[in-house]
Protein backbone atom coordinates (compact mmCIF):
# COMPACT_ATOMS: atom_id res chain seq x y z
CA UNK A 1 0.08 -0.15 0.08
CA UNK A 2 1.36 3.48 -0.76
CA UNK A 3 1.75 5.94 1.50
CA UNK A 4 2.47 9.85 0.99
CA UNK A 5 5.27 11.17 2.72
CA UNK A 6 5.08 14.43 4.28
CA UNK A 7 7.79 17.08 4.22
CA UNK A 8 8.23 16.73 7.99
CA UNK A 9 8.99 13.06 7.42
CA UNK A 10 11.94 14.02 5.24
CA UNK A 11 15.42 13.21 6.80
CA UNK A 12 16.97 16.76 7.76
CA UNK A 13 20.23 17.09 5.28
CA UNK A 14 22.23 20.19 5.64
CA UNK A 15 22.59 22.01 2.54
CA UNK A 16 26.23 22.46 3.08
CA UNK A 17 26.46 18.55 3.00
CA UNK A 18 23.84 17.61 0.24
CA UNK A 19 25.41 15.87 -2.85
CA UNK A 20 22.90 16.02 -5.97
CA UNK A 21 22.64 18.46 -8.82
CA UNK A 22 20.06 17.29 -11.39
CA UNK A 23 20.26 18.48 -14.78
CA UNK A 24 17.10 16.86 -17.11
CA UNK A 25 15.75 17.26 -20.29
CA UNK A 26 12.98 15.84 -22.69
CA UNK A 27 11.05 14.72 -19.47
CA UNK A 28 8.34 15.51 -17.23
CA UNK A 29 8.88 16.10 -13.30
CA UNK A 30 5.89 15.27 -11.16
CA UNK A 31 4.83 14.20 -8.02
CA UNK A 32 3.86 10.32 -7.49
CA UNK A 33 3.13 8.74 -4.08
CA UNK A 34 4.46 11.54 -2.11
CA UNK A 35 7.47 11.44 -4.11
CA UNK A 36 9.07 13.73 -6.75
CA UNK A 37 9.99 11.87 -9.96
CA UNK A 38 10.93 12.59 -13.45
CA UNK A 39 8.91 10.63 -16.38
CA UNK A 40 10.79 9.69 -19.62
CA UNK A 41 9.18 8.09 -22.64
CA UNK A 42 10.31 4.66 -23.83
CA UNK A 43 9.75 2.83 -27.02
CA UNK A 44 7.08 0.74 -25.63
CA UNK A 45 6.27 2.11 -21.95
CA UNK A 46 7.31 5.07 -19.85
CA UNK A 47 9.92 5.26 -17.12
CA UNK A 48 9.73 6.73 -13.75
CA UNK A 49 12.86 7.83 -12.05
CA UNK A 50 12.93 9.06 -8.20
CA UNK A 51 14.72 12.38 -7.45
CA UNK A 52 16.11 12.03 -3.76
CA UNK A 53 14.83 15.44 -2.88
CA UNK A 54 16.39 15.77 0.83
CA UNK A 55 19.91 15.17 -0.72
CA UNK A 56 19.53 17.50 -3.80
CA UNK A 57 20.65 20.99 -3.79
CA UNK A 58 19.64 22.26 -7.46
CA UNK A 59 17.68 20.97 -10.23
CA UNK A 60 18.07 22.48 -13.69
CA UNK A 61 15.21 21.83 -16.06
CA UNK A 62 16.49 21.97 -19.84
CA UNK A 63 14.68 21.54 -23.24
CA UNK A 64 11.83 19.58 -23.75
CA UNK A 65 10.63 19.69 -19.64
CA UNK A 66 7.75 20.46 -17.67
CA UNK A 67 7.16 20.24 -14.06
CA UNK A 68 3.66 20.03 -12.06
CA UNK A 69 2.77 22.12 -9.19
CA UNK A 70 2.59 19.38 -7.06
CA UNK A 71 6.32 18.64 -7.53
CA UNK A 72 7.14 22.26 -7.18
CA UNK A 73 5.67 22.00 -3.84
CA UNK A 74 7.57 19.15 -2.78
CA UNK A 75 10.60 20.40 -3.89
CA UNK A 76 9.97 23.83 -1.98
CA UNK A 77 9.32 21.84 1.12
CA UNK A 78 12.81 20.44 0.84
CA UNK A 79 14.83 23.53 0.11
CA UNK A 80 15.65 22.53 -3.56
CA UNK A 81 16.12 25.45 -6.03
CA UNK A 82 14.84 25.06 -9.35
CA UNK A 83 15.93 26.78 -12.28
CA UNK A 84 14.92 26.69 -16.23
CA UNK A 85 17.86 26.56 -18.69
CA UNK A 86 18.94 25.71 -22.32
CA UNK A 87 20.40 22.79 -23.94
CA UNK A 88 23.60 21.64 -21.96
CA UNK A 89 22.49 22.88 -18.60
CA UNK A 90 23.62 26.45 -19.63
CA UNK A 91 20.78 28.77 -18.46
CA UNK A 92 19.30 31.38 -20.70
CA UNK A 93 17.30 33.58 -18.20
CA UNK A 94 16.69 36.54 -19.95
CA UNK A 95 20.03 36.16 -22.16
CA UNK A 96 22.23 37.52 -19.12
CA UNK A 97 20.70 37.03 -15.47
CA UNK A 98 21.03 33.81 -13.37
CA UNK A 99 17.33 33.57 -11.94
CA UNK A 100 16.28 30.72 -9.75
CA UNK A 101 12.84 29.74 -8.58
CA UNK A 102 13.66 29.79 -4.75
CA UNK A 103 11.89 27.85 -2.03
CA UNK A 104 9.62 30.24 0.31
CA UNK A 105 10.54 30.07 3.64
CA UNK A 106 10.13 32.91 6.50
CA UNK A 107 11.95 30.68 8.68
CA UNK A 108 15.49 31.13 7.45
CA UNK A 109 18.26 32.41 9.83
CA UNK A 110 18.44 36.29 10.09
CA UNK A 111 21.55 36.89 11.24
CA UNK A 112 23.58 36.41 8.23
CA UNK A 113 21.51 38.83 6.09
CA UNK A 114 21.48 41.17 8.98
CA UNK A 115 25.80 41.07 9.22
CA UNK A 116 25.84 41.54 5.50
CA UNK A 117 23.69 44.48 5.31
CA UNK A 118 25.66 45.84 8.10
CA UNK A 119 28.43 46.66 6.07
CA UNK A 120 27.05 46.44 2.11
CA UNK A 121 26.62 50.02 2.32
CA UNK A 122 29.86 51.14 3.03
CA UNK A 123 32.12 51.13 0.22
CA UNK A 124 35.21 50.42 2.01
CA UNK A 125 33.96 47.69 3.89
CA UNK A 126 32.40 46.25 0.63
CA UNK A 127 35.82 46.25 -0.98
CA UNK A 128 37.30 44.46 2.14
CA UNK A 129 34.89 41.71 1.67
CA UNK A 130 35.64 41.57 -1.79
CA UNK A 131 39.34 41.20 -1.45
CA UNK A 132 38.52 38.57 1.27
CA UNK A 133 36.84 36.44 -1.48
CA UNK A 134 39.54 36.80 -3.64
CA UNK A 135 42.01 35.77 -1.21
CA UNK A 136 40.36 32.59 -0.28
CA UNK A 137 39.66 31.88 -4.00
CA UNK A 138 43.28 31.68 -4.44
CA UNK A 139 43.72 29.57 -1.00
CA UNK A 140 40.99 27.14 -2.27
CA UNK A 141 42.72 26.79 -5.37
CA UNK A 142 46.15 25.87 -4.13
CA UNK A 143 44.65 23.61 -1.48
CA UNK A 144 42.49 21.85 -4.41
CA UNK A 145 45.37 21.69 -6.91
CA UNK A 146 47.88 20.24 -4.34
CA UNK A 147 45.76 17.45 -3.13
CA UNK A 148 43.85 16.09 -6.38
CA UNK A 149 45.93 13.44 -7.58
CA UNK A 150 44.11 13.30 -10.79
CA UNK A 151 44.60 17.06 -11.58
CA UNK A 152 48.29 16.22 -11.00
CA UNK A 153 48.10 13.22 -13.50
CA UNK A 154 46.86 15.62 -16.24
CA UNK A 155 49.74 17.86 -15.60
CA UNK A 156 47.99 20.73 -13.40
CA UNK A 157 50.05 21.78 -10.49
CA UNK A 158 49.72 24.72 -8.10
CA UNK A 159 53.30 25.22 -7.58
CA UNK A 160 54.19 25.21 -11.37
CA UNK A 161 55.95 28.82 -12.71
CA UNK A 162 53.04 29.97 -14.71
CA UNK A 163 50.63 29.16 -11.89
CA UNK A 164 52.67 30.50 -9.13
CA UNK A 165 53.50 33.82 -10.94
CA UNK A 166 49.61 34.37 -11.68
CA UNK A 167 49.05 33.54 -7.97
CA UNK A 168 51.30 36.13 -6.53
CA UNK A 169 50.53 38.92 -8.95
CA UNK A 170 47.02 38.73 -8.27
CA UNK A 171 47.78 38.59 -4.46
CA UNK A 172 49.73 41.49 -4.89
CA UNK A 173 46.94 43.16 -6.68
CA UNK A 174 44.43 42.49 -4.29
CA UNK A 175 46.39 44.18 -1.46
CA UNK A 176 46.97 47.09 -3.98
CA UNK A 177 43.44 47.43 -5.27
CA UNK A 178 41.79 50.78 -4.16
CA UNK A 179 38.60 50.01 -5.71
CA UNK A 180 36.49 47.44 -7.36
CA UNK A 181 37.24 48.13 -10.42
CA UNK A 182 40.75 47.82 -10.06
CA UNK A 183 40.03 44.63 -8.41
CA UNK A 184 38.21 43.29 -11.16
CA UNK A 185 40.95 44.13 -13.67
CA UNK A 186 43.38 42.12 -11.45
CA UNK A 187 41.13 39.18 -11.27
CA UNK A 188 40.69 38.95 -15.25
CA UNK A 189 44.40 39.09 -15.83
CA UNK A 190 44.20 36.17 -13.22
CA UNK A 191 41.82 34.22 -14.91
CA UNK A 192 43.17 34.84 -18.27
CA UNK A 193 46.59 33.50 -17.55
CA UNK A 194 44.99 30.55 -16.02
CA UNK A 195 43.31 29.66 -19.39
CA UNK A 196 46.53 30.21 -20.87
CA UNK A 197 48.26 27.61 -18.65
CA UNK A 198 45.31 25.26 -18.63
CA UNK A 199 45.03 25.41 -22.57
CA UNK A 200 48.72 24.64 -22.71
CA UNK A 201 48.55 21.94 -20.44
CA UNK A 202 45.47 20.03 -22.35
CA UNK A 203 47.11 20.96 -25.63
CA UNK A 204 44.37 23.28 -26.88
CA UNK A 205 46.85 25.97 -27.51
CA UNK A 206 44.14 27.87 -29.98
CA UNK A 207 41.83 28.37 -27.23
CA UNK A 208 40.15 31.74 -26.66
CA UNK A 209 37.52 32.38 -24.29
CA UNK A 210 34.41 33.36 -25.70
CA UNK A 211 30.84 32.51 -24.12
CA UNK A 212 29.08 31.99 -27.06
CA UNK A 213 31.90 30.03 -29.01
CA UNK A 214 30.74 26.36 -29.93
CA UNK A 215 34.22 24.63 -29.14
CA UNK A 216 34.11 21.95 -26.45
CA UNK A 217 36.32 23.91 -24.23
CA UNK A 218 34.10 27.20 -23.94
CA UNK A 219 30.98 24.99 -23.90
CA UNK A 220 32.15 22.93 -20.90
CA UNK A 221 33.42 26.17 -19.15
CA UNK A 222 29.77 27.55 -19.45
CA UNK A 223 28.33 24.13 -18.22
CA UNK A 224 30.26 23.91 -15.11
CA UNK A 225 30.01 27.64 -14.50
CA UNK A 226 26.25 27.19 -14.46
CA UNK A 227 26.60 24.02 -11.95
CA UNK A 228 28.60 26.59 -9.79
CA UNK A 229 26.12 29.28 -9.77
CA UNK A 230 23.32 26.54 -8.68
CA UNK A 231 25.44 25.72 -5.63
CA UNK A 232 26.00 29.49 -4.66
CA UNK A 233 22.68 30.47 -5.39
CA UNK A 234 21.68 27.65 -3.02
CA UNK A 235 24.11 28.68 -0.40
CA UNK A 236 22.65 32.13 -0.71
CA UNK A 237 19.09 31.49 -0.07
CA UNK A 238 19.75 28.98 2.73
CA UNK A 239 21.70 31.81 4.61
CA UNK A 240 18.74 34.32 3.88
CA UNK A 241 21.03 36.62 1.55
CA UNK A 242 19.31 38.36 -1.19
CA UNK A 243 21.39 37.88 -4.60
CA UNK A 244 21.41 41.35 -5.61
CA UNK A 245 23.63 42.46 -2.58
CA UNK A 246 27.18 41.68 -4.62
CA UNK A 247 30.60 42.38 -3.30
CA UNK A 248 32.53 42.56 -6.71
CA UNK A 249 29.93 42.31 -9.68
CA UNK A 250 27.68 44.87 -10.86
CA UNK A 251 25.08 45.99 -8.17
CA UNK A 252 22.38 46.59 -10.83
CA UNK A 253 22.28 43.04 -11.52
CA UNK A 254 20.06 40.96 -9.43
CA UNK A 255 21.81 37.74 -9.44
CA UNK A 256 25.36 39.51 -9.10
CA UNK A 257 26.32 37.92 -5.62
CA UNK A 258 25.72 34.44 -7.09
CA UNK A 259 28.74 35.11 -9.32
CA UNK A 260 30.74 36.44 -6.32
CA UNK A 261 30.28 33.64 -4.83
CA UNK A 262 30.54 31.08 -7.35
CA UNK A 263 33.93 32.50 -8.14
CA UNK A 264 35.13 31.08 -4.90
CA UNK A 265 35.31 27.71 -6.66
CA UNK A 266 35.35 28.21 -10.56
CA UNK A 267 38.82 28.51 -10.79
CA UNK A 268 39.74 25.66 -8.55
CA UNK A 269 37.29 22.98 -9.95
CA UNK A 270 35.48 23.92 -13.47
CA UNK A 271 38.23 25.41 -14.90
CA UNK A 272 40.97 22.63 -15.17
CA UNK A 273 38.26 20.08 -15.81
CA UNK A 274 36.57 21.63 -18.47
CA UNK A 275 39.83 21.55 -20.32
CA UNK A 276 41.05 18.26 -19.41
CA UNK A 277 37.59 16.82 -20.56
CA UNK A 278 37.90 18.75 -23.85
CA UNK A 279 41.31 17.56 -24.46
CA UNK A 280 39.96 14.20 -24.07
CA UNK A 281 36.97 14.54 -26.15
CA UNK A 282 35.05 13.38 -23.44
CA UNK A 283 30.98 13.65 -23.71
CA UNK A 284 29.51 16.58 -22.17
CA UNK A 285 27.41 14.26 -19.68
CA UNK A 286 30.61 12.84 -18.55
CA UNK A 287 32.02 16.28 -17.61
CA UNK A 288 29.17 17.19 -15.81
CA UNK A 289 29.63 14.15 -13.43
CA UNK A 290 33.34 14.76 -12.96
CA UNK A 291 32.18 18.32 -12.04
CA UNK A 292 29.77 17.04 -9.51
CA UNK A 293 32.21 14.63 -8.24
CA UNK A 294 34.91 17.01 -7.88
CA UNK A 295 32.63 19.42 -6.08
CA UNK A 296 31.70 16.97 -3.39
CA UNK A 297 35.35 15.38 -3.21
CA UNK A 298 36.66 19.07 -2.46
CA UNK A 299 33.52 19.98 -0.23
CA UNK A 300 32.92 22.88 -2.37
CA UNK A 301 29.53 23.72 -0.79
CA UNK A 302 30.71 23.51 2.52
CA UNK A 303 33.66 25.92 1.54
CA UNK A 304 31.15 28.45 0.30
CA UNK A 305 28.71 28.47 3.18
CA UNK A 306 31.86 29.12 5.62
CA UNK A 307 33.18 31.83 3.50
CA UNK A 308 29.84 33.46 3.07
CA UNK A 309 28.93 33.21 6.87
CA UNK A 310 32.58 34.29 7.81
CA UNK A 311 32.22 37.53 5.74
CA UNK A 312 28.73 38.48 7.11
CA UNK A 313 30.44 38.62 10.23
CA UNK A 314 33.40 40.56 9.60
CA UNK A 315 32.22 43.72 10.99
C-alpha cells in the first residue's frame, strides 16, 4: 500500500552536505505517491525515476521539460532550488541573468543577512569583503590542486611557475586595489593566465575564451560555471542573503552575488576539468559528472557556506 510522505517525514540533511545536482531534459517532473519523480518516454512504455529531494540542492530543467505544481510544492518543502535552462545545462534567463525559483520560507536565519547589510552600504567595507573573497579563492585553488592526484596526473600543479606567478601577481594586486574596478581588472588578468596555462597543459593551444563559442572547452566552461552558480544560489538562499547584494560584480544585476560566490570555486574545479575533459574529447554528460564528483570530493559547498558566513560576520 502506497503511503504519502509529508515534508516533516524527510530526513534533514544540511544544505552544505547535500550531494546532488540534477540536469533534466526531455522529461516531465511530477509528484507520484509523495515522491518527486521524472517521467521519460520509452519505445514501449514510460519510465519513472526517483529524485531524492532531501539530498538535492539544485535542479536544472533543460529543453523539452515540464514540471507540475505538486512537484514544485514538494521541492519547495525540501528547500530545493529550481532553474530553467537551455540545452547542455546552460541557463538562458533573459539572456544574461541567473535567476532561480527559490523555495519560500519565512524561517531562514536572519543573522547572516543582517551581518551582510551592516557593511554593504559602506564602500570601504564592501571592498574589504571583496578582497577577502579573492584571497580565499586563491587559497582554495592551491589547496585543491595540491591534493587532487587526478589533476596532477593531467599535468595541473599549483606550484608550476606559470600558476605560481599568476597567484603571486594577483595577490599583490588584491592588496593594492583601491576600488572594485581595480580588483576586477586584477581578477580578469589572473583568470586569463589560468586559461592560457590550462590550454597549454591540455594541448588546446588555440583556445580563446568566448561565452558564445561552439568549441568544446568553451561549452564545458559555460556548463560547469552554471553548476557552480546553482551551488552559490543555494548557499545564499539557505543563509537568507538576497542575490542582489554583490561585493564585486555589478550591483545593478539581480543575480550578481551568485557570481561572486561561485567565483570562489570556479578556477579551482570547473576551469581545469573543462580543459582536461575537452582535451580528452569526453561527452558533456561525463564532464558534468566529473564536476559534480569534484564538488563533493573537495567539499565546495561547505567552503562556500563557511566563507559567506565568515564574511557576513567580519564587522
